[in-house]
PDB file of N, CA and C in Angstrom:
ATOM      1  N   MET A   1       0.863  -1.030   0.022  1.00  0.00           N
ATOM      2  CA  MET A   1       0.022  -0.080   0.207  1.00  0.00           C
ATOM      3  C   MET A   1       0.772   1.162  -0.063  1.00  0.00           C
ATOM      4  N   ALA A   2       0.267   2.101  -0.601  1.00  0.00           N
ATOM      5  CA  ALA A   2       1.082   3.834  -0.750  1.00  0.00           C
ATOM      6  C   ALA A   2       1.265   4.188   0.487  1.00  0.00           C
ATOM      7  N   ASP A   3       2.215   5.057   0.732  1.00  0.00           N
ATOM      8  CA  ASP A   3       3.003   5.218   1.830  1.00  0.00           C
ATOM      9  C   ASP A   3       1.712   6.674   2.143  1.00  0.00           C
ATOM     10  N   GLU A   4       1.408   6.478   3.663  1.00  0.00           N
ATOM     11  CA  GLU A   4      -0.129   7.331   4.037  1.00  0.00           C
ATOM     12  C   GLU A   4       0.277   9.003   4.148  1.00  0.00           C
ATOM     13  N   GLU A   5       1.356   9.078   4.246  1.00  0.00           N
ATOM     14  CA  GLU A   5       1.674  10.455   4.195  1.00  0.00           C
ATOM     15  C   GLU A   5       1.511  11.325   2.726  1.00  0.00           C
ATOM     16  N   VAL A   6       2.369  10.493   1.933  1.00  0.00           N
ATOM     17  CA  VAL A   6       2.062  10.530   0.645  1.00  0.00           C
ATOM     18  C   VAL A   6       0.107  10.937  -0.157  1.00  0.00           C
ATOM     19  N   ILE A   7      -0.501   9.610   0.468  1.00  0.00           N
ATOM     20  CA  ILE A   7      -1.280  10.020   0.372  1.00  0.00           C
ATOM     21  C   ILE A   7      -2.192  11.367   0.794  1.00  0.00           C
ATOM     22  N   ARG A   8      -1.841  11.432   2.029  1.00  0.00           N
ATOM     23  CA  ARG A   8      -2.803  12.618   2.542  1.00  0.00           C
ATOM     24  C   ARG A   8      -1.805  14.223   1.816  1.00  0.00           C
ATOM     25  N   ARG A   9      -1.029  13.969   1.498  1.00  0.00           N
ATOM     26  CA  ARG A   9      -0.364  15.221   0.558  1.00  0.00           C
ATOM     27  C   ARG A   9      -0.731  15.416  -0.371  1.00  0.00           C
ATOM     28  N   LYS A  10      -1.124  14.211  -0.929  1.00  0.00           N
ATOM     29  CA  LYS A  10      -1.613  14.212  -2.802  1.00  0.00           C
ATOM     30  C   LYS A  10      -2.997  14.846  -2.263  1.00  0.00           C
ATOM     31  N   GLU A  11      -3.799  14.410  -1.551  1.00  0.00           N
ATOM     32  CA  GLU A  11      -4.819  14.401  -0.951  1.00  0.00           C
ATOM     33  C   GLU A  11      -5.536  16.049  -0.478  1.00  0.00           C
ATOM     34  N   ARG A  12      -4.296  16.682  -0.032  1.00  0.00           N
ATOM     35  CA  ARG A  12      -4.419  18.135   0.319  1.00  0.00           C
ATOM     36  C   ARG A  12      -4.078  19.082  -1.188  1.00  0.00           C
ATOM     37  N   LEU A  13      -3.229  18.760  -1.826  1.00  0.00           N
ATOM     38  CA  LEU A  13      -2.767  19.088  -3.151  1.00  0.00           C
ATOM     39  C   LEU A  13      -4.549  19.247  -3.943  1.00  0.00           C
ATOM     40  N   ILE A  14      -4.985  18.179  -3.795  1.00  0.00           N
ATOM     41  CA  ILE A  14      -6.468  18.347  -4.556  1.00  0.00           C
ATOM     42  C   ILE A  14      -7.450  19.069  -4.131  1.00  0.00           C
ATOM     43  N   ALA A  15      -7.643  19.047  -2.562  1.00  0.00           N
ATOM     44  CA  ALA A  15      -8.761  20.056  -2.403  1.00  0.00           C
ATOM     45  C   ALA A  15      -8.127  21.576  -2.307  1.00  0.00           C
ATOM     46  N   GLY A  16      -6.694  21.717  -2.252  1.00  0.00           N
ATOM     47  CA  GLY A  16      -6.588  23.207  -2.626  1.00  0.00           C
ATOM     48  C   GLY A  16      -6.809  23.279  -4.242  1.00  0.00           C
ATOM     49  N   GLU A  17      -6.293  22.451  -5.208  1.00  0.00           N
ATOM     50  CA  GLU A  17      -6.736  22.981  -6.753  1.00  0.00           C
ATOM     51  C   GLU A  17      -8.600  23.170  -6.613  1.00  0.00           C
ATOM     52  N   LEU A  18      -9.260  22.083  -6.219  1.00  0.00           N
ATOM     53  CA  LEU A  18     -10.661  22.180  -6.020  1.00  0.00           C
ATOM     54  C   LEU A  18     -10.972  23.557  -5.529  1.00  0.00           C
ATOM     55  N   TYR A  19     -10.476  24.113  -4.288  1.00  0.00           N
ATOM     56  CA  TYR A  19     -10.760  25.393  -3.835  1.00  0.00           C
ATOM     57  C   TYR A  19     -10.437  26.163  -4.908  1.00  0.00           C
ATOM     58  N   ARG A  20      -9.484  26.029  -5.916  1.00  0.00           N
ATOM     59  CA  ARG A  20      -8.883  27.607  -6.509  1.00  0.00           C
ATOM     60  C   ARG A  20      -9.758  27.548  -7.688  1.00  0.00           C
ATOM     61  N   TYR A  21     -10.176  26.047  -7.991  1.00  0.00           N
ATOM     62  CA  TYR A  21     -11.168  26.184  -9.275  1.00  0.00           C
ATOM     63  C   TYR A  21     -12.460  26.419  -9.028  1.00  0.00           C
ATOM     64  N   PHE A  22     -13.344  25.915  -8.326  1.00  0.00           N
ATOM     65  CA  PHE A  22     -14.141  26.288  -7.841  1.00  0.00           C
ATOM     66  C   PHE A  22     -14.803  27.403  -7.225  1.00  0.00           C
ATOM     67  N   GLY A  23     -13.467  28.001  -6.003  1.00  0.00           N
ATOM     68  CA  GLY A  23     -13.875  29.190  -5.248  1.00  0.00           C
ATOM     69  C   GLY A  23     -13.004  30.517  -6.360  1.00  0.00           C
ATOM     70  N   ARG A  24     -12.002  30.551  -7.249  1.00  0.00           N
ATOM     71  CA  ARG A  24     -11.497  31.480  -7.545  1.00  0.00           C
ATOM     72  C   ARG A  24     -12.087  31.766  -9.380  1.00  0.00           C
ATOM     73  N   VAL A  25     -11.916  30.056  -9.898  1.00  0.00           N
ATOM     74  CA  VAL A  25     -11.538  30.443 -11.391  1.00  0.00           C
ATOM     75  C   VAL A  25     -12.992  30.518 -11.939  1.00  0.00           C
ATOM     76  N   CYS A  26     -13.955  29.322 -11.307  1.00  0.00           N
ATOM     77  CA  CYS A  26     -15.446  29.298 -11.921  1.00  0.00           C
ATOM     78  C   CYS A  26     -15.792  31.119 -11.561  1.00  0.00           C
ATOM     79  N   PRO A  27     -15.928  31.599 -10.788  1.00  0.00           N
ATOM     80  CA  PRO A  27     -16.625  32.735 -10.388  1.00  0.00           C
ATOM     81  C   PRO A  27     -16.302  33.986 -11.190  1.00  0.00           C
ATOM     82  N   GLU A  28     -14.828  33.837 -11.469  1.00  0.00           N
ATOM     83  CA  GLU A  28     -13.921  34.371 -12.313  1.00  0.00           C
ATOM     84  C   GLU A  28     -14.630  34.515 -14.078  1.00  0.00           C
ATOM     85  N   LEU A  29     -14.397  33.160 -14.357  1.00  0.00           N
ATOM     86  CA  LEU A  29     -14.891  32.634 -15.706  1.00  0.00           C
ATOM     87  C   LEU A  29     -17.041  33.358 -15.448  1.00  0.00           C
ATOM     88  N   THR A  30     -17.439  33.232 -14.843  1.00  0.00           N
ATOM     89  CA  THR A  30     -18.870  33.569 -14.928  1.00  0.00           C
ATOM     90  C   THR A  30     -19.005  35.012 -14.968  1.00  0.00           C
ATOM     91  N   GLN A  31     -18.350  35.826 -14.462  1.00  0.00           N
ATOM     92  CA  GLN A  31     -18.282  37.209 -14.472  1.00  0.00           C
ATOM     93  C   GLN A  31     -17.617  37.506 -15.488  1.00  0.00           C
ATOM     94  N   LYS A  32     -16.776  37.094 -16.382  1.00  0.00           N
ATOM     95  CA  LYS A  32     -16.362  37.435 -17.654  1.00  0.00           C
ATOM     96  C   LYS A  32     -17.596  36.951 -18.826  1.00  0.00           C
ATOM     97  N   TRP A  33     -18.104  36.090 -18.872  1.00  0.00           N
ATOM     98  CA  TRP A  33     -19.173  35.902 -19.519  1.00  0.00           C
ATOM     99  C   TRP A  33     -20.073  36.181 -19.407  1.00  0.00           C
ATOM    100  N   GLU A  34     -20.749  37.022 -17.913  1.00  0.00           N
ATOM    101  CA  GLU A  34     -21.902  37.876 -17.861  1.00  0.00           C
ATOM    102  C   GLU A  34     -21.474  39.134 -18.869  1.00  0.00           C
ATOM    103  N   LYS A  35     -20.106  39.844 -18.760  1.00  0.00           N
ATOM    104  CA  LYS A  35     -19.896  40.985 -19.374  1.00  0.00           C
ATOM    105  C   LYS A  35     -20.118  40.705 -20.707  1.00  0.00           C
ATOM    106  N   ALA A  36     -19.223  39.376 -21.208  1.00  0.00           N
ATOM    107  CA  ALA A  36     -19.269  38.982 -22.837  1.00  0.00           C
ATOM    108  C   ALA A  36     -20.460  39.261 -23.356  1.00  0.00           C
ATOM    109  N   ILE A  37     -21.457  38.389 -22.576  1.00  0.00           N
ATOM    110  CA  ILE A  37     -23.010  38.388 -23.449  1.00  0.00           C
ATOM    111  C   ILE A  37     -23.539  39.644 -23.560  1.00  0.00           C
ATOM    112  N   LEU A  38     -23.548  40.630 -22.583  1.00  0.00           N
ATOM    113  CA  LEU A  38     -23.813  41.776 -23.066  1.00  0.00           C
ATOM    114  C   LEU A  38     -22.931  42.419 -23.986  1.00  0.00           C
ATOM    115  N   LYS A  39     -21.823  42.112 -24.573  1.00  0.00           N
ATOM    116  CA  LYS A  39     -21.234  43.377 -25.039  1.00  0.00           C
ATOM    117  C   LYS A  39     -21.022  42.762 -26.199  1.00  0.00           C
ATOM    118  N   MET A  40     -20.697  41.260 -26.795  1.00  0.00           N
ATOM    119  CA  MET A  40     -19.923  40.494 -27.842  1.00  0.00           C
ATOM    120  C   MET A  40     -21.282  40.662 -28.987  1.00  0.00           C
ATOM    121  N   PRO A  41     -20.806  40.814 -30.373  1.00  0.00           N
ATOM    122  CA  PRO A  41     -21.767  40.025 -31.196  1.00  0.00           C
ATOM    123  C   PRO A  41     -22.378  38.887 -30.944  1.00  0.00           C
ATOM    124  N   PRO A  42     -23.411  38.498 -31.925  1.00  0.00           N
ATOM    125  CA  PRO A  42     -23.640  37.018 -31.785  1.00  0.00           C
ATOM    126  C   PRO A  42     -22.294  35.946 -32.191  1.00  0.00           C
ATOM    127  N   SER A  43     -21.910  36.577 -33.296  1.00  0.00           N
ATOM    128  CA  SER A  43     -21.010  35.635 -34.358  1.00  0.00           C
ATOM    129  C   SER A  43     -19.796  35.320 -33.039  1.00  0.00           C
ATOM    130  N   VAL A  44     -19.126  35.951 -32.344  1.00  0.00           N
ATOM    131  CA  VAL A  44     -18.382  35.935 -31.365  1.00  0.00           C
ATOM    132  C   VAL A  44     -18.838  35.233 -30.264  1.00  0.00           C
ATOM    133  N   LEU A  45     -20.078  35.278 -29.739  1.00  0.00           N
ATOM    134  CA  LEU A  45     -20.486  34.205 -28.592  1.00  0.00           C
ATOM    135  C   LEU A  45     -20.786  33.073 -29.389  1.00  0.00           C
ATOM    136  N   LYS A  46     -20.680  33.073 -30.491  1.00  0.00           N
ATOM    137  CA  LYS A  46     -20.892  31.644 -31.112  1.00  0.00           C
ATOM    138  C   LYS A  46     -19.541  31.028 -30.665  1.00  0.00           C
ATOM    139  N   GLU A  47     -18.652  31.626 -30.947  1.00  0.00           N
ATOM    140  CA  GLU A  47     -17.002  31.004 -30.948  1.00  0.00           C
ATOM    141  C   GLU A  47     -16.907  30.748 -29.650  1.00  0.00           C
ATOM    142  N   LEU A  48     -17.260  31.416 -28.586  1.00  0.00           N
ATOM    143  CA  LEU A  48     -17.110  31.499 -27.152  1.00  0.00           C
ATOM    144  C   LEU A  48     -17.649  30.108 -26.733  1.00  0.00           C
ATOM    145  N   VAL A  49     -19.245  29.983 -26.903  1.00  0.00           N
ATOM    146  CA  VAL A  49     -20.060  28.983 -26.785  1.00  0.00           C
ATOM    147  C   VAL A  49     -19.249  27.273 -27.169  1.00  0.00           C
ATOM    148  N   GLY A  50     -18.957  27.794 -28.498  1.00  0.00           N
ATOM    149  CA  GLY A  50     -18.089  26.627 -28.328  1.00  0.00           C
ATOM    150  C   GLY A  50     -17.062  25.964 -28.136  1.00  0.00           C
ATOM    151  N   ARG A  51     -16.246  27.018 -27.288  1.00  0.00           N
ATOM    152  CA  ARG A  51     -15.373  26.587 -26.494  1.00  0.00           C
ATOM    153  C   ARG A  51     -16.069  26.514 -25.224  1.00  0.00           C
ATOM    154  N   LEU A  52     -16.875  26.850 -24.821  1.00  0.00           N
ATOM    155  CA  LEU A  52     -17.467  26.626 -23.411  1.00  0.00           C
ATOM    156  C   LEU A  52     -17.979  24.986 -23.252  1.00  0.00           C
ATOM    157  N   GLN A  53     -18.364  24.549 -24.628  1.00  0.00           N
ATOM    158  CA  GLN A  53     -18.845  23.155 -24.714  1.00  0.00           C
ATOM    159  C   GLN A  53     -17.833  22.623 -24.549  1.00  0.00           C
ATOM    160  N   ILE A  54     -16.458  22.589 -25.547  1.00  0.00           N
ATOM    161  CA  ILE A  54     -15.334  21.905 -25.103  1.00  0.00           C
ATOM    162  C   ILE A  54     -14.959  21.746 -23.915  1.00  0.00           C
ATOM    163  N   LEU A  55     -14.818  22.848 -23.103  1.00  0.00           N
ATOM    164  CA  LEU A  55     -14.699  22.734 -21.803  1.00  0.00           C
ATOM    165  C   LEU A  55     -15.753  22.212 -21.000  1.00  0.00           C
ATOM    166  N   GLU A  56     -16.906  22.095 -21.008  1.00  0.00           N
ATOM    167  CA  GLU A  56     -18.114  21.240 -20.534  1.00  0.00           C
ATOM    168  C   GLU A  56     -18.018  19.778 -20.643  1.00  0.00           C
ATOM    169  N   ALA A  57     -17.569  19.503 -21.957  1.00  0.00           N
ATOM    170  CA  ALA A  57     -17.328  17.895 -22.452  1.00  0.00           C
ATOM    171  C   ALA A  57     -15.875  17.556 -22.037  1.00  0.00           C
ATOM    172  N   VAL A  58     -14.629  18.232 -21.527  1.00  0.00           N
ATOM    173  CA  VAL A  58     -13.867  17.900 -21.267  1.00  0.00           C
ATOM    174  C   VAL A  58     -14.033  17.677 -19.979  1.00  0.00           C
ATOM    175  N   SER A  59     -14.415  18.521 -18.708  1.00  0.00           N
ATOM    176  CA  SER A  59     -15.268  18.042 -17.566  1.00  0.00           C
ATOM    177  C   SER A  59     -15.838  17.043 -17.283  1.00  0.00           C
ATOM    178  N   HIS A  60     -16.834  16.568 -18.671  1.00  0.00           N
ATOM    179  CA  HIS A  60     -17.550  15.488 -18.183  1.00  0.00           C
ATOM    180  C   HIS A  60     -16.865  14.104 -17.988  1.00  0.00           C
ATOM    181  N   GLN A  61     -16.014  14.342 -19.367  1.00  0.00           N
ATOM    182  CA  GLN A  61     -15.236  13.232 -19.641  1.00  0.00           C
ATOM    183  C   GLN A  61     -14.099  12.896 -18.460  1.00  0.00           C
ATOM    184  N   THR A  62     -13.968  13.780 -17.512  1.00  0.00           N
ATOM    185  CA  THR A  62     -12.906  13.882 -16.856  1.00  0.00           C
ATOM    186  C   THR A  62     -13.424  13.256 -15.399  1.00  0.00           C
ATOM    187  N   ASN A  63     -14.723  13.730 -15.230  1.00  0.00           N
ATOM    188  CA  ASN A  63     -15.893  13.314 -14.603  1.00  0.00           C
ATOM    189  C   ASN A  63     -15.927  11.476 -14.446  1.00  0.00           C
ATOM    190  N   GLN A  64     -16.246  10.885 -15.568  1.00  0.00           N
ATOM    191  CA  GLN A  64     -16.630  10.034 -15.919  1.00  0.00           C
ATOM    192  C   GLN A  64     -15.201   8.695 -15.984  1.00  0.00           C
ATOM    193  N   GLU A  65     -14.069   9.632 -16.235  1.00  0.00           N
ATOM    194  CA  GLU A  65     -13.031   8.627 -15.568  1.00  0.00           C
ATOM    195  C   GLU A  65     -12.610   8.519 -14.394  1.00  0.00           C
ATOM    196  N   LEU A  66     -12.921   9.563 -13.454  1.00  0.00           N
ATOM    197  CA  LEU A  66     -12.223   9.700 -12.247  1.00  0.00           C
ATOM    198  C   LEU A  66     -13.451   8.451 -11.579  1.00  0.00           C
ATOM    199  N   LYS A  67     -14.611   8.767 -11.963  1.00  0.00           N
ATOM    200  CA  LYS A  67     -15.763   7.735 -11.556  1.00  0.00           C
ATOM    201  C   LYS A  67     -15.187   6.072 -11.249  1.00  0.00           C
ATOM    202  N   ALA A  68     -14.642   6.143 -12.405  1.00  0.00           N
ATOM    203  CA  ALA A  68     -14.499   4.359 -13.052  1.00  0.00           C
ATOM    204  C   ALA A  68     -13.197   3.774 -12.362  1.00  0.00           C
ATOM    205  N   ALA A  69     -12.192   5.647 -11.982  1.00  0.00           N
ATOM    206  CA  ALA A  69     -10.895   4.926 -11.626  1.00  0.00           C
ATOM    207  C   ALA A  69     -11.169   4.792  -9.913  1.00  0.00           C
ATOM    208  N   HIS A  70     -11.887   5.428  -9.366  1.00  0.00           N
ATOM    209  CA  HIS A  70     -12.602   5.284  -7.735  1.00  0.00           C
ATOM    210  C   HIS A  70     -13.071   4.300  -7.709  1.00  0.00           C
ATOM    211  N   LEU A  71     -13.969   3.635  -8.665  1.00  0.00           N
ATOM    212  CA  LEU A  71     -14.883   2.237  -8.325  1.00  0.00           C
ATOM    213  C   LEU A  71     -13.459   1.422  -8.343  1.00  0.00           C
ATOM    214  N   ALA A  72     -12.365   1.326  -9.203  1.00  0.00           N
ATOM    215  CA  ALA A  72     -11.212   0.514  -8.933  1.00  0.00           C
ATOM    216  C   ALA A  72     -10.442   0.629  -7.987  1.00  0.00           C
ATOM    217  N   ALA A  73     -10.007   1.928  -7.454  1.00  0.00           N
ATOM    218  CA  ALA A  73      -9.472   2.022  -5.712  1.00  0.00           C
ATOM    219  C   ALA A  73     -10.530   1.372  -4.694  1.00  0.00           C
ATOM    220  N   VAL A  74     -11.754   1.606  -5.175  1.00  0.00           N
ATOM    221  CA  VAL A  74     -12.380   0.987  -3.916  1.00  0.00           C
ATOM    222  C   VAL A  74     -12.104  -0.698  -4.156  1.00  0.00           C
ATOM    223  N   LYS A  75     -12.077  -1.731  -5.175  1.00  0.00           N
ATOM    224  CA  LYS A  75     -11.922  -2.775  -5.067  1.00  0.00           C
ATOM    225  C   LYS A  75     -10.479  -3.152  -4.573  1.00  0.00           C
ATOM    226  N   ASP A  76      -9.122  -2.426  -4.887  1.00  0.00           N
ATOM    227  CA  ASP A  76      -8.529  -2.284  -4.779  1.00  0.00           C
ATOM    228  C   ASP A  76      -7.288  -1.632  -4.337  1.00  0.00           C
ATOM    229  N   PRO A  77      -7.202  -1.383  -3.204  1.00  0.00           N
ATOM    230  CA  PRO A  77      -6.345  -0.430  -2.508  1.00  0.00           C
ATOM    231  C   PRO A  77      -5.128  -0.045  -3.185  1.00  0.00           C
ATOM    232  N   GLU A  78      -4.274  -0.423  -4.269  1.00  0.00           N
ATOM    233  CA  GLU A  78      -3.536  -0.369  -4.353  1.00  0.00           C
ATOM    234  C   GLU A  78      -3.536   0.852  -5.764  1.00  0.00           C
ATOM    235  N   PHE A  79      -4.898   1.123  -6.110  1.00  0.00           N
ATOM    236  CA  PHE A  79      -5.143   2.229  -6.948  1.00  0.00           C
ATOM    237  C   PHE A  79      -5.207   3.581  -6.700  1.00  0.00           C
ATOM    238  N   ILE A  80      -5.152   3.696  -4.874  1.00  0.00           N
ATOM    239  CA  ILE A  80      -5.337   5.203  -4.330  1.00  0.00           C
ATOM    240  C   ILE A  80      -4.324   5.795  -4.736  1.00  0.00           C
ATOM    241  N   GLU A  81      -3.426   5.614  -4.671  1.00  0.00           N
ATOM    242  CA  GLU A  81      -2.144   6.530  -5.160  1.00  0.00           C
ATOM    243  C   GLU A  81      -2.165   7.054  -6.671  1.00  0.00           C
ATOM    244  N   PRO A  82      -2.479   6.305  -7.680  1.00  0.00           N
ATOM    245  CA  PRO A  82      -2.804   6.632  -8.855  1.00  0.00           C
ATOM    246  C   PRO A  82      -3.886   7.232  -9.143  1.00  0.00           C
ATOM    247  N   LEU A  83      -4.819   6.987  -8.361  1.00  0.00           N
ATOM    248  CA  LEU A  83      -6.211   7.846  -8.353  1.00  0.00           C
ATOM    249  C   LEU A  83      -6.141   9.254  -8.261  1.00  0.00           C
ATOM    250  N   LEU A  84      -5.447   9.229  -7.240  1.00  0.00           N
ATOM    251  CA  LEU A  84      -5.010  10.482  -6.806  1.00  0.00           C
ATOM    252  C   LEU A  84      -4.174  11.542  -7.674  1.00  0.00           C
ATOM    253  N   ASP A  85      -3.233  10.771  -8.262  1.00  0.00           N
ATOM    254  CA  ASP A  85      -2.278  11.532  -9.240  1.00  0.00           C
ATOM    255  C   ASP A  85      -3.243  11.334 -10.637  1.00  0.00           C
ATOM    256  N   GLN A  86      -3.964  11.132 -11.027  1.00  0.00           N
ATOM    257  CA  GLN A  86      -4.872  11.079 -12.169  1.00  0.00           C
ATOM    258  C   GLN A  86      -6.157  12.181 -11.526  1.00  0.00           C
ATOM    259  N   THR A  87      -6.414  12.278 -10.636  1.00  0.00           N
ATOM    260  CA  THR A  87      -7.571  13.401 -10.138  1.00  0.00           C
ATOM    261  C   THR A  87      -6.986  14.708 -10.468  1.00  0.00           C
ATOM    262  N   LEU A  88      -5.592  14.901  -9.249  1.00  0.00           N
ATOM    263  CA  LEU A  88      -4.974  16.261  -9.641  1.00  0.00           C
ATOM    264  C   LEU A  88      -4.885  16.570 -11.276  1.00  0.00           C
ATOM    265  N   ALA A  89      -4.023  15.792 -11.853  1.00  0.00           N
ATOM    266  CA  ALA A  89      -3.970  15.736 -13.198  1.00  0.00           C
ATOM    267  C   ALA A  89      -5.032  16.686 -14.133  1.00  0.00           C
ATOM    268  N   ALA A  90      -6.572  15.388 -13.855  1.00  0.00           N
ATOM    269  CA  ALA A  90      -7.440  16.448 -14.914  1.00  0.00           C
ATOM    270  C   ALA A  90      -8.149  17.832 -13.756  1.00  0.00           C
ATOM    271  N   ILE A  91      -8.232  18.115 -12.920  1.00  0.00           N
ATOM    272  CA  ILE A  91      -8.275  19.269 -11.659  1.00  0.00           C
ATOM    273  C   ILE A  91      -7.383  20.097 -12.945  1.00  0.00           C
ATOM    274  N   GLU A  92      -6.187  20.358 -12.853  1.00  0.00           N
ATOM    275  CA  GLU A  92      -4.842  20.904 -13.301  1.00  0.00           C
ATOM    276  C   GLU A  92      -5.278  21.245 -14.697  1.00  0.00           C
ATOM    277  N   GLN A  93      -5.704  20.194 -15.726  1.00  0.00           N
ATOM    278  CA  GLN A  93      -5.915  20.112 -17.125  1.00  0.00           C
ATOM    279  C   GLN A  93      -7.181  21.454 -17.072  1.00  0.00           C
ATOM    280  N   ILE A  94      -8.323  20.883 -16.399  1.00  0.00           N
ATOM    281  CA  ILE A  94      -9.518  21.670 -16.633  1.00  0.00           C
ATOM    282  C   ILE A  94      -9.083  23.304 -16.175  1.00  0.00           C
ATOM    283  N   THR A  95      -8.539  23.463 -14.924  1.00  0.00           N
ATOM    284  CA  THR A  95      -8.348  24.984 -15.084  1.00  0.00           C
ATOM    285  C   THR A  95      -7.258  25.612 -15.721  1.00  0.00           C
ATOM    286  N   GLU A  96      -6.548  24.623 -16.402  1.00  0.00           N
ATOM    287  CA  GLU A  96      -5.623  25.538 -17.628  1.00  0.00           C
ATOM    288  C   GLU A  96      -6.469  25.640 -18.897  1.00  0.00           C
ATOM    289  N   ASP A  97      -7.670  24.758 -19.094  1.00  0.00           N
ATOM    290  CA  ASP A  97      -8.765  25.082 -20.351  1.00  0.00           C
ATOM    291  C   ASP A  97      -9.085  26.057 -19.935  1.00  0.00           C
ATOM    292  N   ALA A  98      -9.818  26.260 -18.702  1.00  0.00           N
ATOM    293  CA  ALA A  98     -10.982  27.199 -18.142  1.00  0.00           C
ATOM    294  C   ALA A  98      -9.866  28.968 -18.202  1.00  0.00           C
ATOM    295  N   ALA A  99      -8.877  28.872 -17.824  1.00  0.00           N
ATOM    296  CA  ALA A  99      -8.117  29.989 -17.570  1.00  0.00           C
ATOM    297  C   ALA A  99      -7.486  30.544 -19.424  1.00  0.00           C
ATOM    298  N   ALA A 100      -7.435  29.518 -20.286  1.00  0.00           N
ATOM    299  CA  ALA A 100      -7.298  29.571 -21.918  1.00  0.00           C
ATOM    300  C   ALA A 100      -8.596  30.474 -22.220  1.00  0.00           C
ATOM    301  N   LEU A 101     -10.017  30.034 -21.886  1.00  0.00           N
ATOM    302  CA  LEU A 101     -11.030  30.461 -22.071  1.00  0.00           C
ATOM    303  C   LEU A 101     -11.092  31.930 -21.563  1.00  0.00           C
ATOM    304  N   MET A 102     -10.810  32.230 -20.519  1.00  0.00           N
ATOM    305  CA  MET A 102     -10.626  33.688 -20.088  1.00  0.00           C
ATOM    306  C   MET A 102      -9.649  34.655 -20.380  1.00  0.00           C
ATOM    307  N   ARG A 103      -8.842  33.649 -21.035  1.00  0.00           N
ATOM    308  CA  ARG A 103      -7.702  34.380 -21.684  1.00  0.00           C
ATOM    309  C   ARG A 103      -8.370  35.337 -23.177  1.00  0.00           C
ATOM    310  N   ARG A 104      -8.827  34.495 -23.717  1.00  0.00           N
ATOM    311  CA  ARG A 104      -9.725  34.810 -24.819  1.00  0.00           C
ATOM    312  C   ARG A 104     -10.839  35.786 -24.649  1.00  0.00           C
ATOM    313  N   LEU A 105     -11.533  35.400 -23.228  1.00  0.00           N
ATOM    314  CA  LEU A 105     -12.551  36.283 -23.403  1.00  0.00           C
ATOM    315  C   LEU A 105     -11.944  37.676 -22.973  1.00  0.00           C
ATOM    316  N   ASP A 106     -11.115  37.623 -22.187  1.00  0.00           N
ATOM    317  CA  ASP A 106      -9.945  39.061 -22.045  1.00  0.00           C
ATOM    318  C   ASP A 106      -9.907  39.875 -23.324  1.00  0.00           C
ATOM    319  N   GLU A 107      -9.353  38.831 -24.288  1.00  0.00           N
ATOM    320  CA  GLU A 107      -8.767  39.743 -25.343  1.00  0.00           C
ATOM    321  C   GLU A 107     -10.089  40.144 -26.291  1.00  0.00           C
ATOM    322  N   LEU A 108     -11.103  39.380 -26.670  1.00  0.00           N
ATOM    323  CA  LEU A 108     -12.266  39.760 -27.226  1.00  0.00           C
ATOM    324  C   LEU A 108     -12.817  41.446 -26.210  1.00  0.00           C
ATOM    325  N   LEU A 109     -13.273  41.275 -25.085  1.00  0.00           N
ATOM    326  CA  LEU A 109     -13.386  42.604 -24.182  1.00  0.00           C
ATOM    327  C   LEU A 109     -12.823  43.753 -24.426  1.00  0.00           C
ATOM    328  N   LYS A 110     -11.391  43.120 -24.738  1.00  0.00           N
ATOM    329  CA  LYS A 110     -10.666  44.268 -24.782  1.00  0.00           C
ATOM    330  C   LYS A 110     -10.693  45.121 -26.356  1.00  0.00           C
ATOM    331  N   ALA A 111     -10.932  44.369 -27.214  1.00  0.00           N
ATOM    332  CA  ALA A 111     -11.089  44.721 -28.807  1.00  0.00           C
ATOM    333  C   ALA A 111     -12.498  45.805 -28.701  1.00  0.00           C
TER     334      ALA A 111
END
């Protein structure tokens, strides 16, 4: 079985990333979307909606993969550490995707 301290450290990292994503990234993204909806022409909004749909699809796929990995970890505790690694990587990827969308929103709002 994996070292308990390593597992606890990874759990803390995941908790921090989730807090950052849901506590900072999502509210900021929502705020930028509200501005974009009021300011952008429909053609630009269509592009942004496409990007948001991609983010949503990636989030959904990640959630499905993590559910499957969790079930595997429940059956065999040796999967716990790889599951934590996979979870952290998925959260980081979604955060990066959301940040890229926010950068695009910023570019468009400045134009």
